[in-house]
């Protein structure tokens, strides 16, 4: 039995390039630096004693910077290469996060939030392009899954450590976050081979005289992105609004909140690659996306239950959310990649990243506003309805494709 489990895991990870593994190690370090983001709303309300609406504004500005960063990151990847973009964005973003720990003036925090999220999100399109470049032929989907595994392991470590550090010192949380981000940039500089320049030159030669489809000319992709934006808007609230709900309504402390959220990354790290290797190519990607969306809706339904044993109910909610994420997000990546080729992958990556960035603007601001005005239960009900509509939209899109 143990040998069978070992063989299953080994088969899931075999055949990937050395560069893919190095890139994933770097991603693990980079995403570990996301430890402060889930606690930004708590930092504003609990440490700086600002109202929830101000916390919502900060999170929204984080999204605004993300939109700008995703757009610039996609463009700069084509100009100076994915390696340079990842190095610059990680190091500069990290330094600004350290500066964030020393500032308490609200307007200055607003400006710094935009700058930090700009550099943080510029990293993502460059990273998307890097995975495609380093992946061996026929291993792209698993290469992206390995990268997601590293992302979620980083998230698990970051959330858990972030909760522990936040329970002692919020400023130290931002210093640690920024230091780890800068370390990831240095890791790229030292570990990843500088092959981007030659690759860009080769691609430029191939593109000459060719007409390459742009993402905004792909109507099916645009519809898919709109539905994805609807999903990710609901997705973000689990890590933006829900921590405040745990604290204010269920009275769970910061350390436990960090461990509960960290369970998300741990489960993904243990099971996602194996799950994908089992179900990949069995059904269409959208079939699994619909399943995932409905599981996420179930996670918000759990939050409507009485918090008699709040930690257990919170864990159940995160478990359902994580199952939904494992079904939906890898196959969203698969669908996006299926619409691209080597000549337009960067632009599609920027478009996909933008859907996440837009969600960061819409979701937290609307979420905090609705929670403040109507209460958390009405917010969860609205999210459930929105997710059911989203699942129906994906299903209709699948019928059109068939």
Protein backbone atom coordinates (compact mmCIF):
# COMPACT_ATOMS: atom_id res chain seq x y z
CA UNK A 1 0.00 0.00 0.00
CA UNK A 2 2.77 2.41 1.00
CA UNK A 3 4.73 1.45 -2.12
CA UNK A 4 1.68 2.17 -4.30
CA UNK A 5 1.23 5.62 -2.73
CA UNK A 6 4.95 6.32 -3.21
CA UNK A 7 4.79 5.24 -6.88
CA UNK A 8 1.73 7.43 -7.50
CA UNK A 9 3.50 10.49 -6.08
CA UNK A 10 6.72 9.68 -7.94
CA UNK A 11 4.90 9.35 -11.29
CA UNK A 12 3.11 12.67 -10.71
CA UNK A 13 6.42 14.52 -10.34
CA UNK A 14 8.71 12.68 -12.78
CA UNK A 15 9.90 14.00 -16.13
CA UNK A 16 9.93 17.71 -15.26
CA UNK A 17 12.93 19.85 -16.25
CA UNK A 18 15.54 20.98 -13.72
CA UNK A 19 14.67 24.61 -14.51
CA UNK A 20 11.00 23.91 -13.72
CA UNK A 21 12.00 22.60 -10.31
CA UNK A 22 14.25 25.60 -9.69
CA UNK A 23 11.47 27.97 -10.75
CA UNK A 24 9.10 26.25 -8.33
CA UNK A 25 11.60 26.57 -5.47
CA UNK A 26 11.83 30.28 -6.22
CA UNK A 27 8.02 30.48 -6.33
CA UNK A 28 7.86 28.75 -2.94
CA UNK A 29 10.09 31.47 -1.50
CA UNK A 30 8.20 34.25 -3.30
CA UNK A 31 4.73 33.11 -2.19
CA UNK A 32 5.93 32.65 1.39
CA UNK A 33 6.20 36.43 1.30
CA UNK A 34 2.40 36.66 0.95
CA UNK A 35 2.12 36.24 4.72
CA UNK A 36 1.07 39.86 5.36
CA UNK A 37 -1.73 40.18 2.79
CA UNK A 38 -4.42 38.12 4.63
CA UNK A 39 -3.78 40.22 7.73
CA UNK A 40 -3.94 43.66 6.09
CA UNK A 41 -7.61 44.10 7.05
CA UNK A 42 -6.81 43.10 10.65
CA UNK A 43 -3.77 45.41 10.65
CA UNK A 44 -5.99 48.35 9.66
CA UNK A 45 -8.81 47.62 12.11
CA UNK A 46 -7.03 46.04 15.10
CA UNK A 47 -3.60 47.75 15.06
CA UNK A 48 -4.29 51.14 13.47
CA UNK A 49 -7.92 51.24 14.72
CA UNK A 50 -9.34 52.28 11.35
CA UNK A 51 -12.98 51.47 10.40
CA UNK A 52 -13.69 48.41 8.18
CA UNK A 53 -14.41 50.71 5.22
CA UNK A 54 -10.79 51.97 5.38
CA UNK A 55 -9.59 48.37 5.43
CA UNK A 56 -11.74 47.77 2.36
CA UNK A 57 -10.17 50.79 0.62
CA UNK A 58 -6.65 49.52 1.33
CA UNK A 59 -7.49 46.09 -0.10
CA UNK A 60 -9.14 47.75 -3.11
CA UNK A 61 -6.05 49.88 -3.73
CA UNK A 62 -4.03 46.68 -3.57
CA UNK A 63 -6.19 45.53 -6.47
CA UNK A 64 -5.70 48.79 -8.39
CA UNK A 65 -1.93 48.39 -8.14
CA UNK A 66 -2.32 44.78 -9.22
CA UNK A 67 -4.15 45.78 -12.42
CA UNK A 68 -1.40 48.25 -13.28
CA UNK A 69 1.30 45.73 -12.35
CA UNK A 70 -0.21 42.89 -14.39
CA UNK A 71 -0.48 45.11 -17.47
CA UNK A 72 3.04 46.48 -17.12
CA UNK A 73 4.48 43.06 -16.20
CA UNK A 74 3.05 41.43 -19.32
CA UNK A 75 4.41 44.17 -21.56
CA UNK A 76 7.82 44.31 -19.88
CA UNK A 77 8.16 40.53 -20.14
CA UNK A 78 8.13 40.92 -23.94
CA UNK A 79 10.60 43.83 -23.79
CA UNK A 80 13.24 42.92 -21.18
CA UNK A 81 12.42 39.24 -20.50
CA UNK A 82 10.69 37.29 -17.76
CA UNK A 83 13.87 36.80 -15.71
CA UNK A 84 14.59 40.51 -15.30
CA UNK A 85 10.94 41.33 -14.52
CA UNK A 86 10.81 38.69 -11.77
CA UNK A 87 14.09 39.84 -10.20
CA UNK A 88 13.24 43.56 -10.24
CA UNK A 89 9.64 43.17 -9.07
CA UNK A 90 10.55 40.84 -6.17
CA UNK A 91 13.40 42.94 -4.80
CA UNK A 92 11.80 46.37 -5.17
CA UNK A 93 8.41 45.12 -3.94
CA UNK A 94 10.11 43.60 -0.90
CA UNK A 95 11.90 46.83 -0.02
CA UNK A 96 8.64 48.78 -0.19
CA UNK A 97 6.96 46.21 2.07
CA UNK A 98 9.69 46.80 4.67
CA UNK A 99 9.03 50.55 4.37
CA UNK A 100 5.30 49.83 4.90
CA UNK A 101 6.05 48.66 8.45
CA UNK A 102 7.31 52.13 9.43
CA UNK A 103 4.33 54.15 8.11
CA UNK A 104 1.09 54.84 10.01
CA UNK A 105 -0.31 57.83 8.07
CA UNK A 106 -3.35 56.52 6.19
CA UNK A 107 -2.83 58.40 2.91
CA UNK A 108 0.82 57.33 2.78
CA UNK A 109 -0.28 53.73 3.40
CA UNK A 110 -2.73 54.05 0.50
CA UNK A 111 0.04 55.14 -1.87
CA UNK A 112 2.45 52.46 -0.65
CA UNK A 113 -0.24 49.81 -1.06
CA UNK A 114 -0.58 50.66 -4.77
CA UNK A 115 3.21 50.59 -5.27
CA UNK A 116 3.67 47.27 -3.43
CA UNK A 117 0.84 45.53 -5.29
CA UNK A 118 2.16 46.91 -8.61
CA UNK A 119 5.50 45.14 -8.17
CA UNK A 120 3.93 42.06 -6.60
CA UNK A 121 1.56 41.52 -9.55
CA UNK A 122 4.13 42.39 -12.24
CA UNK A 123 5.84 39.17 -11.14
CA UNK A 124 2.94 36.91 -12.24
CA UNK A 125 2.81 37.30 -16.07
CA UNK A 126 6.60 37.00 -16.15
CA UNK A 127 6.41 33.85 -14.07
CA UNK A 128 3.68 32.40 -16.32
CA UNK A 129 5.91 32.94 -19.37
CA UNK A 130 8.92 31.49 -17.55
CA UNK A 131 7.11 28.22 -16.82
CA UNK A 132 6.19 27.80 -20.49
CA UNK A 133 9.79 28.47 -21.54
CA UNK A 134 11.43 26.07 -19.09
CA UNK A 135 8.86 23.23 -19.36
CA UNK A 136 9.82 20.13 -21.35
CA UNK A 137 7.63 19.17 -24.29
CA UNK A 138 4.43 17.51 -23.07
CA UNK A 139 4.89 18.53 -19.42
CA UNK A 140 3.41 22.03 -19.44
CA UNK A 141 0.25 21.22 -17.47
CA UNK A 142 2.21 19.40 -14.76
CA UNK A 143 4.82 22.16 -14.78
CA UNK A 144 2.10 24.71 -14.04
CA UNK A 145 0.65 22.37 -11.41
CA UNK A 146 4.06 22.04 -9.74
CA UNK A 147 4.30 25.82 -9.73
CA UNK A 148 0.84 26.01 -8.13
CA UNK A 149 1.98 23.43 -5.59
CA UNK A 150 4.94 25.65 -4.72
CA UNK A 151 2.62 28.66 -4.58
CA UNK A 152 0.29 26.93 -2.13
CA UNK A 153 3.09 25.51 0.00
CA UNK A 154 4.40 29.06 0.19
CA UNK A 155 0.93 30.26 1.07
CA UNK A 156 0.62 27.61 3.82
CA UNK A 157 3.97 28.56 5.33
CA UNK A 158 3.31 32.28 4.90
CA UNK A 159 -0.17 32.19 6.46
CA UNK A 160 0.92 30.08 9.41
CA UNK A 161 4.06 32.14 10.10
CA UNK A 162 2.12 35.35 9.41
CA UNK A 163 -0.50 34.48 12.03
CA UNK A 164 2.17 33.72 14.62
CA UNK A 165 4.15 36.91 13.86
CA UNK A 166 0.97 39.07 13.73
CA UNK A 167 -0.03 37.86 17.19
CA UNK A 168 3.18 39.46 18.49
CA UNK A 169 3.92 42.36 16.13
CA UNK A 170 2.22 43.61 12.96
CA UNK A 171 5.19 45.82 11.88
CA UNK A 172 7.52 42.81 12.14
CA UNK A 173 5.11 40.91 9.86
CA UNK A 174 5.71 43.45 7.06
CA UNK A 175 9.48 43.46 7.61
CA UNK A 176 9.60 39.67 7.37
CA UNK A 177 7.30 39.66 4.32
CA UNK A 178 9.46 42.18 2.47
CA UNK A 179 12.69 40.38 3.35
CA UNK A 180 11.40 37.05 1.99
CA UNK A 181 10.19 38.76 -1.21
CA UNK A 182 13.63 40.30 -1.79
CA UNK A 183 15.22 36.90 -1.11
CA UNK A 184 13.10 35.34 -3.87
CA UNK A 185 14.43 37.94 -6.33
CA UNK A 186 18.01 37.15 -5.36
CA UNK A 187 17.23 33.42 -5.72
CA UNK A 188 16.12 33.96 -9.34
CA UNK A 189 19.30 35.93 -10.00
CA UNK A 190 21.49 33.16 -8.60
CA UNK A 191 19.60 29.96 -9.51
CA UNK A 192 17.76 30.40 -12.80
CA UNK A 193 19.72 30.38 -16.08
CA UNK A 194 19.65 33.58 -18.13
CA UNK A 195 18.16 32.12 -21.30
CA UNK A 196 15.44 34.70 -21.83
CA UNK A 197 17.34 36.93 -24.24
CA UNK A 198 17.99 34.22 -26.80
CA UNK A 199 14.47 32.90 -26.48
CA UNK A 200 13.00 36.36 -27.08
CA UNK A 201 15.20 36.84 -30.13
CA UNK A 202 14.11 33.50 -31.61
CA UNK A 203 10.45 34.26 -31.02
CA UNK A 204 10.84 37.72 -32.56
CA UNK A 205 12.26 36.14 -35.71
CA UNK A 206 9.35 33.69 -35.96
CA UNK A 207 6.74 36.40 -35.42
CA UNK A 208 7.97 38.54 -38.33
CA UNK A 209 5.40 38.46 -41.10
CA UNK A 210 2.90 36.48 -39.01
CA UNK A 211 -0.49 37.59 -37.74
CA UNK A 212 -0.81 36.65 -34.08
CA UNK A 213 -4.22 36.54 -32.39
CA UNK A 214 -4.57 38.94 -29.48
CA UNK A 215 -6.52 37.88 -26.37
CA UNK A 216 -9.09 40.67 -26.82
CA UNK A 217 -9.84 39.33 -30.33
CA UNK A 218 -10.75 35.91 -28.90
CA UNK A 219 -14.45 36.22 -27.99
CA UNK A 220 -14.61 32.82 -26.27
CA UNK A 221 -11.60 33.71 -24.14
CA UNK A 222 -13.17 37.06 -23.19
CA UNK A 223 -16.37 35.31 -22.02
CA UNK A 224 -14.26 32.82 -20.10
CA UNK A 225 -12.32 35.67 -18.46
CA UNK A 226 -15.54 37.41 -17.39
CA UNK A 227 -16.73 34.23 -15.67
CA UNK A 228 -13.28 33.70 -14.16
CA UNK A 229 -13.36 37.27 -12.82
CA UNK A 230 -16.74 36.52 -11.21
CA UNK A 231 -15.24 33.41 -9.59
CA UNK A 232 -12.04 35.08 -8.41
CA UNK A 233 -14.02 38.02 -6.97
CA UNK A 234 -15.74 35.51 -4.66
CA UNK A 235 -12.47 33.60 -4.21
CA UNK A 236 -10.54 36.57 -2.80
CA UNK A 237 -13.05 37.24 -0.03
CA UNK A 238 -12.03 34.02 1.71
CA UNK A 239 -8.60 35.58 2.31
CA UNK A 240 -9.67 39.22 2.72
CA UNK A 241 -13.06 39.49 4.46
CA UNK A 242 -13.39 36.05 6.08
CA UNK A 243 -10.36 36.54 8.42
CA UNK A 244 -12.08 39.64 9.84
CA UNK A 245 -15.32 37.63 10.22
CA UNK A 246 -13.40 34.94 12.13
CA UNK A 247 -11.98 37.61 14.45
CA UNK A 248 -15.03 39.85 14.97
CA UNK A 249 -17.91 37.34 14.95
CA UNK A 250 -16.40 33.99 15.92
CA UNK A 251 -13.63 35.51 18.12
CA UNK A 252 -10.84 33.34 16.72
CA UNK A 253 -7.39 34.78 17.44
CA UNK A 254 -4.79 35.69 14.81
CA UNK A 255 -2.61 32.64 15.38
CA UNK A 256 -5.52 30.24 14.83
CA UNK A 257 -6.72 32.25 11.81
CA UNK A 258 -3.28 31.86 10.23
CA UNK A 259 -3.23 28.11 10.88
CA UNK A 260 -6.79 27.66 9.55
CA UNK A 261 -5.99 29.54 6.33
CA UNK A 262 -2.65 27.75 6.09
CA UNK A 263 -4.52 24.43 5.92
CA UNK A 264 -5.63 25.48 2.42
CA UNK A 265 -2.08 25.46 1.10
CA UNK A 266 -1.13 22.31 3.00
CA UNK A 267 -4.00 20.24 1.52
CA UNK A 268 -3.18 21.49 -1.98
CA UNK A 269 0.49 20.66 -1.46
CA UNK A 270 -0.35 17.09 -0.44
CA UNK A 271 -3.10 16.19 -2.88
CA UNK A 272 -3.41 18.45 -5.94
CA UNK A 273 -0.66 16.98 -8.15
CA UNK A 274 -1.86 13.43 -7.51
CA UNK A 275 -5.49 14.41 -8.11
CA UNK A 276 -4.64 16.11 -11.41
CA UNK A 277 -2.61 13.13 -12.64
CA UNK A 278 -5.68 10.94 -11.97
CA UNK A 279 -8.41 13.08 -13.57
CA UNK A 280 -6.55 15.05 -16.25
CA UNK A 281 -7.90 14.39 -19.78
CA UNK A 282 -10.80 12.30 -18.39
CA UNK A 283 -13.34 15.12 -18.87
CA UNK A 284 -13.22 18.63 -20.34
CA UNK A 285 -11.52 21.32 -18.18
CA UNK A 286 -14.80 23.21 -17.82
CA UNK A 287 -16.49 20.14 -16.29
CA UNK A 288 -14.03 20.29 -13.38
CA UNK A 289 -14.21 24.09 -13.19
CA UNK A 290 -18.00 23.89 -12.65
CA UNK A 291 -17.48 21.33 -9.87
CA UNK A 292 -14.91 23.57 -8.23
CA UNK A 293 -17.15 26.65 -8.33
CA UNK A 294 -19.96 24.73 -6.60
CA UNK A 295 -17.61 23.47 -3.87
CA UNK A 296 -16.53 27.07 -3.21
CA UNK A 297 -20.22 28.05 -2.95
CA UNK A 298 -20.56 25.26 -0.37
CA UNK A 299 -17.68 26.76 1.63
CA UNK A 300 -19.55 30.06 1.99
CA UNK A 301 -22.75 28.18 2.88
CA UNK A 302 -20.88 26.64 5.84
CA UNK A 303 -20.22 30.18 7.16
CA UNK A 304 -23.99 30.62 7.56
CA UNK A 305 -24.03 27.85 10.19
CA UNK A 306 -24.02 28.84 13.88
CA UNK A 307 -20.47 29.20 15.16
CA UNK A 308 -21.00 26.95 18.19
CA UNK A 309 -17.60 25.37 17.60
CA UNK A 310 -16.12 28.16 15.44
CA UNK A 311 -12.70 26.62 14.78
CA UNK A 312 -14.22 23.33 13.55
CA UNK A 313 -16.77 25.12 11.32
CA UNK A 314 -14.02 27.39 9.97
CA UNK A 315 -11.87 24.34 9.17
CA UNK A 316 -14.78 22.66 7.36
CA UNK A 317 -15.38 25.82 5.32
CA UNK A 318 -11.70 26.04 4.33
CA UNK A 319 -11.71 22.32 3.45
CA UNK A 320 -14.64 22.71 1.02
CA UNK A 321 -13.06 25.88 -0.37
CA UNK A 322 -9.77 24.05 -0.93
CA UNK A 323 -11.45 21.14 -2.74
CA UNK A 324 -13.17 23.69 -4.98
CA UNK A 325 -9.89 25.46 -5.64
CA UNK A 326 -8.15 22.18 -6.57
CA UNK A 327 -10.86 21.38 -9.10
CA UNK A 328 -11.25 24.87 -10.59
CA UNK A 329 -7.91 26.69 -10.75
CA UNK A 330 -5.62 24.07 -12.39
CA UNK A 331 -8.16 23.54 -15.16
CA UNK A 332 -8.64 27.28 -15.62
CA UNK A 333 -4.88 27.37 -16.29
CA UNK A 334 -5.28 24.46 -18.71
CA UNK A 335 -8.05 26.24 -20.60
CA UNK A 336 -6.04 29.49 -20.83
CA UNK A 337 -3.00 27.61 -22.15
CA UNK A 338 -5.16 25.80 -24.71
CA UNK A 339 -5.97 29.17 -26.32
CA UNK A 340 -2.31 30.24 -26.62
CA UNK A 341 0.83 29.53 -28.61
CA UNK A 342 4.46 30.54 -28.17
CA UNK A 343 3.80 33.88 -29.89
CA UNK A 344 0.94 35.20 -27.74
CA UNK A 345 1.37 33.38 -24.42
CA UNK A 346 2.63 36.46 -22.61
CA UNK A 347 -0.35 38.56 -23.67
CA UNK A 348 -2.82 35.83 -22.67
CA UNK A 349 -0.96 35.51 -19.35
CA UNK A 350 -1.37 39.24 -18.76
CA UNK A 351 -5.08 39.01 -19.64
CA UNK A 352 -5.59 36.12 -17.23
CA UNK A 353 -3.62 37.90 -14.50
CA UNK A 354 -5.76 41.00 -15.05
CA UNK A 355 -8.90 39.00 -14.22
CA UNK A 356 -7.40 38.31 -10.79
CA UNK A 357 -6.31 41.91 -10.39
CA UNK A 358 -9.76 43.29 -11.26
CA UNK A 359 -11.22 40.90 -8.69
CA UNK A 360 -8.96 42.41 -6.04
CA UNK A 361 -10.51 45.80 -6.77
CA UNK A 362 -14.15 44.68 -6.93
CA UNK A 363 -14.23 41.93 -4.31
CA UNK A 364 -12.81 43.30 -1.05
CA UNK A 365 -14.32 46.78 -1.41
CA UNK A 366 -17.79 45.42 -2.19
CA UNK A 367 -17.39 42.66 0.39
CA UNK A 368 -16.47 44.97 3.26
CA UNK A 369 -19.20 47.44 2.25
CA UNK A 370 -21.93 44.76 2.11
CA UNK A 371 -20.77 43.20 5.39
CA UNK A 372 -20.78 46.60 7.10
CA UNK A 373 -24.19 47.61 5.70
CA UNK A 374 -26.16 44.33 5.71
CA UNK A 375 -24.12 41.95 7.87
CA UNK A 376 -21.90 38.99 7.09
CA UNK A 377 -24.74 36.48 6.58
CA UNK A 378 -26.23 38.50 3.72
CA UNK A 379 -22.78 38.74 2.17
CA UNK A 380 -22.38 34.94 2.25
CA UNK A 381 -25.84 34.50 0.68
CA UNK A 382 -24.96 36.93 -2.14
CA UNK A 383 -21.68 35.08 -2.78
CA UNK A 384 -23.47 31.72 -2.94
CA UNK A 385 -25.96 33.08 -5.49
CA UNK A 386 -23.16 34.67 -7.54
CA UNK A 387 -21.18 31.41 -7.58
CA UNK A 388 -24.21 29.36 -8.68
CA UNK A 389 -24.75 31.86 -11.54
CA UNK A 390 -21.02 31.58 -12.37
CA UNK A 391 -21.19 27.76 -12.50
CA UNK A 392 -24.20 28.00 -14.82
CA UNK A 393 -22.28 30.41 -17.05
CA UNK A 394 -19.33 28.02 -17.36
CA UNK A 395 -21.74 25.20 -18.19
CA UNK A 396 -23.35 27.29 -20.97
CA UNK A 397 -19.88 28.09 -22.31
CA UNK A 398 -19.11 24.36 -22.44
CA UNK A 399 -22.30 23.70 -24.44
CA UNK A 400 -21.28 26.42 -26.93
CA UNK A 401 -17.85 24.83 -27.33
CA UNK A 402 -19.43 21.39 -27.88
